Amino acid sequence: MPLLYACIAPHGGEIIRELAKNERTAELFSDTRKGMLELAEQIRNLHPDTIVIATPHNLRLWKNISIVFSENSTGKLQSDSLQNPKEISLSVKCDTKFARELYGRAKVANLPVVGANYGTFEGPPSDLPMDWGALIPLWFIMEGSRHSKQINRPLVVIVSPSREIPIRQNVSFGREIARLAQEQTSRKIVFVASADQSHTHRKDGPYGFHQSAKEFDAIAVKSIEDNNLNTMLKLDPRFIEDAKPDSIWQIAMLYGILQECSLKPKLFSYQVPTYFGMICAGFSRV
């Protein structure tokens, strides 16, 4: 069965209303929150068995793509509100079989990959801390499944791209994800590229302002609408550094998947509520 669905999902914490500093801040993220709710519903309606999520904020292994081998992954996030502090948490079971098979395929394809565990080899203590790049998109998907007819929550495979290797190797890794999914005859697989766009939209942001921010995000939106993500992968490295997205490398994996699967894009939302751009986009079966 080919991979059923893929998406680009942002991971700004205040998309989740409970993590917003106040109601005014929560409203700033309302368009993206609406996009995420729609995207998550589409995924839940497919009743996936496994979600492969590529995050830029998990284990950053120099010149290597990381694949989590832990049986579990758990994380929590807190709001910045001093008056009304809140916390969310999420714990998932990992698809260790898919993760190890993906590692083996990547090695055969001569891709630089490392399998990573945490705590113990197996059992409950085999629990790798979940980063916000994985937690926030998965929170929308998993929390919604509590209230849906889906009885079993999907297993998760967490991967992180490398920024130091040629971009084509991240693309090739995405192709291996899709090829392995095609061999899972009885399982439904979904891919999530957890990615925020340019981080240089405002002077008061941590990375300052750069005029390339608006242009980068416009290119990202158009490349999705045209179903031509390769446009983003051809951008000049200096231009990317000026715009400071954390999306290119996960989108490279998504582009590799799209080389193997016929998926049609839909842009749910694009928004710049603070200093970084956020896109919600889904790619579904034609």
Protein backbone atom coordinates (compact mmCIF):
# COMPACT_ATOMS: atom_id res chain seq x y z
CA MET A 1 0.00 0.00 0.00
CA PRO A 2 1.54 3.34 -0.98
CA LEU A 3 1.94 6.12 1.52
CA LEU A 4 -1.56 7.60 1.91
CA TYR A 5 -0.95 11.19 2.94
CA ALA A 6 1.80 13.70 3.59
CA CYS A 7 1.78 17.20 5.00
CA ILE A 8 3.74 20.24 6.06
CA ALA A 9 2.83 21.20 9.62
CA PRO A 10 4.17 24.10 11.72
CA HIS A 11 5.34 23.75 15.29
CA GLY A 12 4.98 27.14 16.94
CA GLY A 13 3.83 26.39 20.49
CA GLU A 14 1.09 29.01 20.63
CA ILE A 15 -0.82 27.29 17.86
CA ILE A 16 -2.07 25.20 20.78
CA ARG A 17 -4.48 27.46 22.64
CA GLU A 18 -3.42 26.11 26.04
CA LEU A 19 0.13 27.33 25.40
CA ALA A 20 -0.80 30.86 24.35
CA LYS A 21 0.33 33.57 26.77
CA ASN A 22 -3.12 35.16 26.74
CA GLU A 23 -6.29 35.29 24.67
CA ARG A 24 -4.95 38.04 22.44
CA THR A 25 -1.89 35.94 21.61
CA ALA A 26 -4.08 32.91 20.99
CA GLU A 27 -6.07 34.89 18.42
CA LEU A 28 -2.90 35.83 16.55
CA PHE A 29 -2.47 32.15 15.71
CA SER A 30 -6.12 31.44 14.91
CA ASP A 31 -5.71 30.94 11.14
CA THR A 32 -2.88 28.46 11.64
CA ARG A 33 -4.78 26.70 14.43
CA LYS A 34 -7.74 26.29 12.09
CA GLY A 35 -5.44 24.94 9.38
CA MET A 36 -3.90 22.45 11.80
CA LEU A 37 -7.29 21.24 12.99
CA GLU A 38 -8.36 20.62 9.40
CA LEU A 39 -5.09 18.91 8.53
CA ALA A 40 -5.23 16.69 11.63
CA GLU A 41 -8.81 15.70 10.87
CA GLN A 42 -7.81 14.60 7.37
CA ILE A 43 -5.10 12.41 8.85
CA ARG A 44 -7.38 10.88 11.49
CA ASN A 45 -10.01 10.10 8.84
CA LEU A 46 -7.44 7.86 7.14
CA HIS A 47 -6.95 5.84 10.37
CA PRO A 48 -3.18 5.54 9.87
CA ASP A 49 -1.24 2.74 11.53
CA THR A 50 2.06 4.65 11.50
CA ILE A 51 2.97 8.33 11.31
CA VAL A 52 6.52 9.12 10.19
CA ILE A 53 7.39 12.62 11.38
CA ALA A 54 10.49 14.56 10.31
CA THR A 55 11.43 17.22 12.85
CA PRO A 56 14.36 19.66 12.84
CA HIS A 57 14.49 19.83 16.65
CA ASN A 58 15.13 16.25 17.73
CA LEU A 59 18.61 14.67 17.74
CA ARG A 60 20.84 16.78 15.48
CA LEU A 61 23.56 14.32 14.51
CA TRP A 62 26.41 15.93 12.62
CA LYS A 63 26.37 14.84 8.95
CA ASN A 64 23.83 12.11 9.73
CA ILE A 65 20.09 11.60 9.51
CA SER A 66 18.74 10.30 12.82
CA ILE A 67 16.08 7.61 13.21
CA VAL A 68 14.61 7.03 16.66
CA PHE A 69 14.73 3.37 17.74
CA SER A 70 13.18 3.92 21.19
CA GLU A 71 9.95 2.09 21.97
CA ASN A 72 8.40 5.26 23.37
CA SER A 73 8.72 9.01 23.12
CA THR A 74 7.37 11.45 25.70
CA GLY A 75 7.40 15.22 25.89
CA LYS A 76 5.79 18.21 27.54
CA LEU A 77 5.52 21.95 26.90
CA GLN A 78 4.62 24.82 29.20
CA SER A 79 3.01 28.16 28.45
CA ASP A 80 4.85 31.43 29.11
CA SER A 81 1.94 32.82 31.10
CA LEU A 82 2.87 33.78 34.68
CA GLN A 83 -0.73 34.44 35.66
CA ASN A 84 -2.20 31.22 34.30
CA PRO A 85 0.59 28.72 33.55
CA LYS A 86 -0.51 25.62 31.68
CA GLU A 87 1.20 22.48 30.44
CA ILE A 88 0.51 19.90 27.79
CA SER A 89 2.14 16.50 27.46
CA LEU A 90 2.13 13.63 25.02
CA SER A 91 3.45 10.09 25.05
CA VAL A 92 3.48 7.84 21.99
CA LYS A 93 4.45 4.31 21.12
CA CYS A 94 7.06 4.11 18.38
CA ASP A 95 7.02 1.81 15.38
CA THR A 96 10.41 0.25 16.02
CA LYS A 97 9.95 -2.34 13.26
CA PHE A 98 9.40 0.32 10.59
CA ALA A 99 12.24 2.44 12.03
CA ARG A 100 14.76 -0.41 11.90
CA GLU A 101 13.68 -1.47 8.41
CA LEU A 102 14.02 2.14 7.25
CA TYR A 103 17.51 2.27 8.75
CA GLY A 104 18.48 -0.89 6.89
CA ARG A 105 17.18 0.43 3.59
CA ALA A 106 18.98 3.74 4.06
CA LYS A 107 22.24 1.93 4.77
CA VAL A 108 21.88 -0.18 1.61
CA ALA A 109 21.30 3.07 -0.30
CA ASN A 110 24.56 4.44 1.19
CA LEU A 111 22.80 7.21 3.10
CA PRO A 112 24.32 8.56 6.34
CA VAL A 113 21.94 7.40 9.06
CA VAL A 114 22.19 6.68 12.77
CA GLY A 115 19.67 4.78 14.88
CA ALA A 116 19.15 6.38 18.28
CA ASN A 117 17.71 4.94 21.48
CA TYR A 118 17.42 6.39 24.98
CA GLY A 119 17.31 4.91 28.47
CA THR A 120 17.20 1.18 27.84
CA PHE A 121 17.26 -1.09 24.79
CA GLU A 122 13.58 -1.94 25.22
CA GLY A 123 10.64 -1.69 27.61
CA PRO A 124 9.02 1.37 29.24
CA PRO A 125 12.36 3.10 30.08
CA SER A 126 13.21 3.06 26.37
CA ASP A 127 11.66 6.52 26.09
CA LEU A 128 13.36 9.24 24.05
CA PRO A 129 12.38 12.82 25.02
CA MET A 130 10.04 14.30 22.44
CA ASP A 131 10.98 17.69 20.99
CA TRP A 132 8.46 20.44 20.21
CA GLY A 133 8.85 19.87 16.48
CA ALA A 134 7.32 16.42 16.91
CA LEU A 135 5.06 17.11 19.88
CA ILE A 136 3.03 20.00 18.47
CA PRO A 137 1.86 18.40 15.18
CA LEU A 138 1.33 15.04 16.92
CA TRP A 139 -0.65 16.71 19.71
CA PHE A 140 -3.22 17.93 17.20
CA ILE A 141 -3.45 14.48 15.61
CA MET A 142 -3.38 12.38 18.77
CA GLU A 143 -5.55 14.57 20.99
CA GLY A 144 -8.24 14.60 18.34
CA SER A 145 -8.15 10.82 18.15
CA ARG A 146 -9.35 10.69 21.76
CA HIS A 147 -12.70 11.96 20.57
CA SER A 148 -12.90 10.11 17.25
CA LYS A 149 -13.98 6.60 16.41
CA GLN A 150 -10.34 5.58 15.98
CA ILE A 151 -9.72 3.06 18.76
CA ASN A 152 -5.96 2.61 18.43
CA ARG A 153 -3.64 5.59 18.23
CA PRO A 154 -1.06 5.30 15.45
CA LEU A 155 2.52 4.32 16.12
CA VAL A 156 5.17 6.96 15.43
CA VAL A 157 8.55 7.03 13.71
CA ILE A 158 10.63 10.13 14.49
CA VAL A 159 13.41 11.15 12.09
CA SER A 160 15.57 14.26 11.80
CA PRO A 161 17.31 15.40 8.62
CA SER A 162 20.89 16.58 8.41
CA ARG A 163 21.78 20.06 7.20
CA GLU A 164 25.42 19.20 6.65
CA ILE A 165 24.94 16.54 3.96
CA PRO A 166 23.98 17.21 0.33
CA ILE A 167 20.28 18.03 0.11
CA ARG A 168 19.81 15.20 -2.40
CA GLN A 169 20.58 12.70 0.38
CA ASN A 170 17.64 13.96 2.42
CA VAL A 171 15.56 13.63 -0.76
CA SER A 172 16.79 10.06 -1.21
CA PHE A 173 15.88 9.27 2.38
CA GLY A 174 12.34 10.44 1.68
CA ARG A 175 12.18 8.10 -1.29
CA GLU A 176 13.18 5.21 0.97
CA ILE A 177 10.36 6.11 3.35
CA ALA A 178 7.88 5.95 0.47
CA ARG A 179 9.30 2.71 -0.92
CA LEU A 180 9.16 1.03 2.47
CA ALA A 181 5.58 2.25 2.92
CA GLN A 182 4.66 0.60 -0.37
CA GLU A 183 5.79 -2.73 1.04
CA GLN A 184 3.54 -2.40 4.13
CA THR A 185 0.63 -4.18 2.44
CA SER A 186 -1.56 -4.23 5.54
CA ARG A 187 -0.55 -0.91 7.14
CA LYS A 188 -1.45 2.70 6.40
CA ILE A 189 1.43 5.17 6.52
CA VAL A 190 1.36 8.98 6.78
CA PHE A 191 4.30 11.41 6.61
CA VAL A 192 4.52 14.73 8.47
CA ALA A 193 7.17 17.34 7.66
CA SER A 194 7.25 19.47 10.80
CA ALA A 195 8.50 22.79 9.50
CA ASP A 196 8.32 26.51 10.10
CA GLN A 197 9.30 28.94 7.39
CA SER A 198 11.43 32.09 7.50
CA HIS A 199 12.38 33.25 11.00
CA THR A 200 13.50 36.80 10.02
CA HIS A 201 10.20 38.60 9.56
CA ARG A 202 10.56 41.06 12.45
CA LYS A 203 13.25 43.19 14.03
CA ASP A 204 12.14 42.24 17.52
CA GLY A 205 12.46 38.52 16.78
CA PRO A 206 15.48 36.55 18.01
CA TYR A 207 17.00 36.49 14.50
CA GLY A 208 16.20 40.06 13.53
CA PHE A 209 14.71 41.23 10.24
CA HIS A 210 15.81 40.41 6.71
CA GLN A 211 14.05 41.35 3.50
CA SER A 212 14.46 37.79 2.19
CA ALA A 213 11.89 36.52 4.71
CA LYS A 214 8.83 37.59 2.75
CA GLU A 215 10.32 36.37 -0.52
CA PHE A 216 11.25 32.98 0.90
CA ASP A 217 7.78 32.37 2.27
CA ALA A 218 6.19 33.44 -1.01
CA ILE A 219 8.34 30.90 -2.83
CA ALA A 220 7.35 28.21 -0.33
CA VAL A 221 3.63 28.91 -0.78
CA LYS A 222 3.89 28.91 -4.58
CA SER A 223 5.97 25.73 -4.66
CA ILE A 224 3.24 23.97 -2.67
CA GLU A 225 0.42 25.31 -4.80
CA ASP A 226 2.30 24.30 -7.98
CA ASN A 227 3.24 20.91 -6.46
CA ASN A 228 6.85 21.69 -7.31
CA LEU A 229 8.79 21.52 -4.05
CA ASN A 230 12.02 21.17 -6.00
CA THR A 231 11.92 24.96 -6.41
CA MET A 232 12.75 25.34 -2.73
CA LEU A 233 15.62 22.88 -2.91
CA LYS A 234 17.32 24.93 -5.63
CA LEU A 235 17.46 28.14 -3.60
CA ASP A 236 20.83 29.77 -3.01
CA PRO A 237 22.29 28.74 0.39
CA ARG A 238 23.03 32.39 1.26
CA PHE A 239 19.40 33.31 0.60
CA ILE A 240 18.28 30.45 2.85
CA GLU A 241 20.67 31.58 5.59
CA ASP A 242 19.29 35.13 5.42
CA ALA A 243 15.68 33.91 5.65
CA LYS A 244 16.50 31.32 8.33
CA PRO A 245 13.76 28.75 7.75
CA ASP A 246 13.84 25.38 9.49
CA SER A 247 11.84 23.79 6.67
CA ILE A 248 14.10 23.04 3.71
CA TRP A 249 15.49 19.75 4.99
CA GLN A 250 12.20 18.16 6.02
CA ILE A 251 10.64 19.39 2.76
CA ALA A 252 13.51 17.68 0.93
CA MET A 253 12.34 14.39 2.48
CA LEU A 254 8.77 15.22 1.47
CA TYR A 255 9.91 15.95 -2.08
CA GLY A 256 11.53 12.51 -2.18
CA ILE A 257 8.24 10.95 -1.08
CA LEU A 258 6.38 12.81 -3.81
CA GLN A 259 8.75 11.29 -6.38
CA GLU A 260 7.39 7.88 -5.41
CA CYS A 261 3.74 8.72 -4.61
CA SER A 262 1.16 10.60 -6.63
CA LEU A 263 -0.20 13.11 -4.11
CA LYS A 264 -2.13 16.30 -4.77
CA PRO A 265 -1.40 19.44 -2.67
CA LYS A 266 -3.81 21.60 -0.73
CA LEU A 267 -2.75 24.75 1.13
CA PHE A 268 -4.79 25.09 4.32
CA SER A 269 -3.17 28.24 5.70
CA TYR A 270 -0.21 30.59 5.62
CA GLN A 271 0.36 33.08 8.40
CA VAL A 272 3.06 35.23 10.01
CA PRO A 273 1.62 36.01 13.46
CA THR A 274 5.02 36.85 14.99
CA TYR A 275 8.56 36.65 13.63
CA PHE A 276 8.31 33.36 11.70
CA GLY A 277 6.09 32.10 8.90
CA MET A 278 3.85 29.05 9.28
CA ILE A 279 2.32 26.88 6.56
CA CYS A 280 -0.26 24.11 6.87
CA ALA A 281 -0.46 22.04 3.71
CA GLY A 282 -1.65 18.54 2.91
CA PHE A 283 -0.78 16.17 0.07
CA SER A 284 -3.45 13.54 -0.54
CA ARG A 285 -4.00 10.65 -2.95
CA VAL A 286 -5.08 11.71 -6.44
